[in-house]
Protein backbone atom coordinates (compact mmCIF):
# COMPACT_ATOMS: atom_id res chain seq x y z
CA MET A 1 -32.66 -32.12 27.06
CA VAL A 2 -35.68 -30.53 28.75
CA HIS A 3 -36.64 -29.02 25.29
CA CYS A 4 -36.52 -32.57 23.73
CA ILE A 5 -38.70 -34.07 26.54
CA LYS A 6 -41.25 -31.32 26.24
CA ASN A 7 -41.31 -31.01 22.40
CA GLU A 8 -41.47 -34.81 21.90
CA ASN A 9 -43.89 -35.47 24.89
CA ILE A 10 -41.54 -38.07 26.45
CA LEU A 11 -43.13 -39.67 29.48
CA SER A 12 -41.01 -40.38 32.61
CA ALA A 13 -41.39 -44.21 32.06
CA LEU A 14 -39.67 -43.69 28.75
CA ILE A 15 -36.59 -41.88 30.04
CA VAL A 16 -33.69 -44.14 31.23
CA ASN A 17 -30.55 -43.35 32.66
CA SER A 18 -27.60 -45.74 32.58
CA ASP A 19 -24.28 -46.03 34.41
CA GLN A 20 -21.33 -48.43 34.58
CA THR A 21 -19.50 -49.08 37.79
CA GLN A 22 -16.67 -51.47 38.76
CA LEU A 23 -17.47 -54.08 41.46
CA THR A 24 -14.55 -55.75 42.98
CA TYR A 25 -15.56 -59.28 44.02
CA ALA A 26 -12.28 -60.76 45.10
CA GLN A 27 -9.89 -58.33 46.54
CA CYS A 28 -7.01 -59.63 48.76
CA CYS A 29 -7.56 -58.23 52.18
CA HIS A 30 -3.81 -57.87 53.12
CA LEU A 31 -4.32 -60.29 56.19
CA THR A 32 -2.63 -63.42 56.94
CA TYR A 33 -2.43 -65.61 59.96
CA ALA A 34 1.18 -65.89 61.38
CA GLU A 35 2.66 -66.25 64.77
CA ILE A 36 3.17 -63.35 66.85
CA GLY A 37 6.79 -62.00 66.34
CA SER A 38 7.28 -63.52 62.88
CA LYS A 39 10.04 -61.88 60.98
CA GLN A 40 8.58 -62.69 57.38
CA ILE A 41 4.96 -63.35 56.34
CA SER A 42 4.09 -64.47 53.13
CA THR A 43 0.75 -63.55 51.32
CA ILE A 44 -0.71 -65.01 48.07
CA GLY A 45 -2.60 -62.97 45.49
CA ASN A 46 -1.69 -59.62 47.13
CA ASP A 47 -1.50 -57.75 43.79
CA GLU A 48 -4.59 -59.60 42.20
CA LYS A 49 -7.90 -58.03 41.80
CA GLN A 50 -10.97 -59.61 40.45
CA ALA A 51 -13.74 -57.17 39.14
CA LEU A 52 -16.47 -56.87 36.77
CA THR A 53 -18.41 -53.94 35.34
CA ALA A 54 -22.06 -53.57 36.27
CA PHE A 55 -24.18 -51.78 33.89
CA ILE A 56 -27.25 -50.43 35.73
CA SER A 57 -30.20 -48.63 34.31
CA LEU A 58 -33.09 -46.77 36.09
CA THR A 59 -36.17 -45.08 34.55
CA ASN A 60 -37.26 -41.69 35.54
CA TYR A 61 -40.38 -43.38 36.70
CA GLY A 62 -38.39 -45.31 39.32
CA ILE A 63 -38.05 -48.66 37.58
CA LEU A 64 -34.83 -50.56 37.84
CA LEU A 65 -34.10 -52.38 34.68
CA SER A 66 -32.13 -55.74 34.55
CA PHE A 67 -28.41 -55.61 35.07
CA GLN A 68 -25.64 -56.58 32.76
CA ALA A 69 -22.54 -57.94 34.24
CA ILE A 70 -19.48 -57.74 32.13
CA TYR A 71 -16.49 -60.03 33.02
CA LYS A 72 -12.84 -59.91 31.65
CA SER A 73 -12.51 -63.05 29.74
CA SER A 74 -12.30 -64.71 26.30
CA SER A 75 -14.69 -67.49 27.33
CA SER A 76 -17.75 -68.19 29.44
CA LEU A 77 -15.35 -69.85 32.18
CA SER A 78 -15.26 -66.53 34.15
CA LEU A 79 -19.02 -66.12 34.35
CA PRO A 80 -20.99 -67.29 37.28
CA PHE A 81 -21.56 -71.01 37.49
CA LYS A 82 -24.96 -71.81 36.06
CA LYS A 83 -25.82 -73.86 39.06
CA SER A 84 -24.94 -71.08 41.49
CA PRO A 85 -27.66 -70.09 43.92
CA PHE A 86 -30.28 -67.64 42.23
CA TYR A 87 -28.39 -67.72 39.02
CA ALA A 88 -31.46 -69.20 37.28
CA GLU A 89 -33.74 -66.47 38.79
CA ALA A 90 -31.30 -63.78 37.77
CA VAL A 91 -31.35 -64.89 34.12
CA LEU A 92 -35.18 -65.22 34.19
CA THR A 93 -35.65 -61.79 35.21
CA GLY A 94 -33.38 -60.53 32.29
CA PHE A 95 -29.83 -60.25 33.83
CA LEU A 96 -27.00 -60.42 31.35
CA PHE A 97 -23.77 -62.20 32.31
CA GLU A 98 -21.36 -61.66 29.51
CA SER A 99 -17.66 -62.14 28.87
CA SER A 100 -15.92 -59.02 27.22
CA HIS A 101 -13.80 -61.21 24.96
CA THR A 102 -11.18 -58.75 25.61
CA ASP A 103 -8.39 -57.96 28.35
CA THR A 104 -10.69 -55.67 30.13
CA TYR A 105 -14.04 -55.99 31.80
CA TRP A 106 -15.41 -52.70 30.67
CA SER A 107 -18.19 -52.41 28.14
CA ILE A 108 -17.34 -52.67 24.36
CA GLN A 109 -19.41 -52.28 21.27
CA GLY A 110 -20.66 -55.85 21.61
CA THR A 111 -21.77 -55.77 25.10
CA MET A 112 -23.29 -52.49 24.49
CA ARG A 113 -25.28 -53.90 21.56
CA ASN A 114 -26.42 -56.76 23.73
CA PHE A 115 -27.64 -54.56 26.37
CA ILE A 116 -29.54 -52.33 23.90
CA ASN A 117 -31.03 -55.44 22.22
CA LYS A 118 -31.92 -57.63 25.14
CA ILE A 119 -32.69 -55.14 27.92
CA LEU A 120 -33.25 -51.51 26.79
CA ALA A 121 -35.26 -51.87 23.62
CA PRO A 122 -37.60 -54.72 25.07
CA TYR A 123 -38.31 -52.39 28.08
CA PHE A 124 -39.25 -49.41 25.74
CA ASP A 125 -41.37 -51.83 23.53
CA GLN A 126 -43.11 -53.41 26.52
CA THR A 127 -43.86 -49.80 28.11
CA ILE A 128 -45.02 -48.14 24.86
CA GLU A 129 -47.59 -50.80 23.92
CA PRO A 130 -49.79 -51.00 27.08
CA LEU A 131 -49.58 -47.00 27.36
CA GLY A 132 -51.33 -47.02 23.89
CA LEU A 133 -48.70 -44.91 22.40
CA PRO A 134 -47.71 -44.87 18.81
CA SER A 135 -44.80 -47.24 17.94
CA ASP A 136 -42.67 -44.47 16.92
CA GLN A 137 -42.80 -42.72 20.23
CA CYS A 138 -39.64 -40.97 21.13
CA CYS A 139 -37.74 -42.40 24.23
CA LEU A 140 -34.70 -40.88 25.82
CA TRP A 141 -31.63 -42.89 27.04
CA GLN A 142 -28.90 -41.01 28.99
CA ILE A 143 -25.53 -42.80 29.40
CA ASP A 144 -23.30 -41.45 32.14
CA CYS A 145 -19.83 -41.60 30.59
């Protein structure tokens, strides 16, 4: 990789590292209210977990790109409510809230393509032009798998 960076003269701002991580947003806490000395205590949703995948990217220059959040769903019903606090601000800054349209919340080819087209490529385009670099300037994208 160092050879590529040196030979292609890739600037720090044009090196992006991305990683996916699971975020649990509704995990049962295994606590319940019951009278002291109760013999049987029921819990609801003890085995259920609600999670999403956060796709996070940072440039070698220290710029944090917009996040992509991937939810397990076949529709937009599992996505954050559009009238939620700060939803509009998140979308305006480029955050992507997406359904996986599968039985998993991990990234698939379609969500990866959306990330590239809506976050990564626009970042490279917006960075190359002001620096006066040629439009065919090489960039480097590292994905932690």
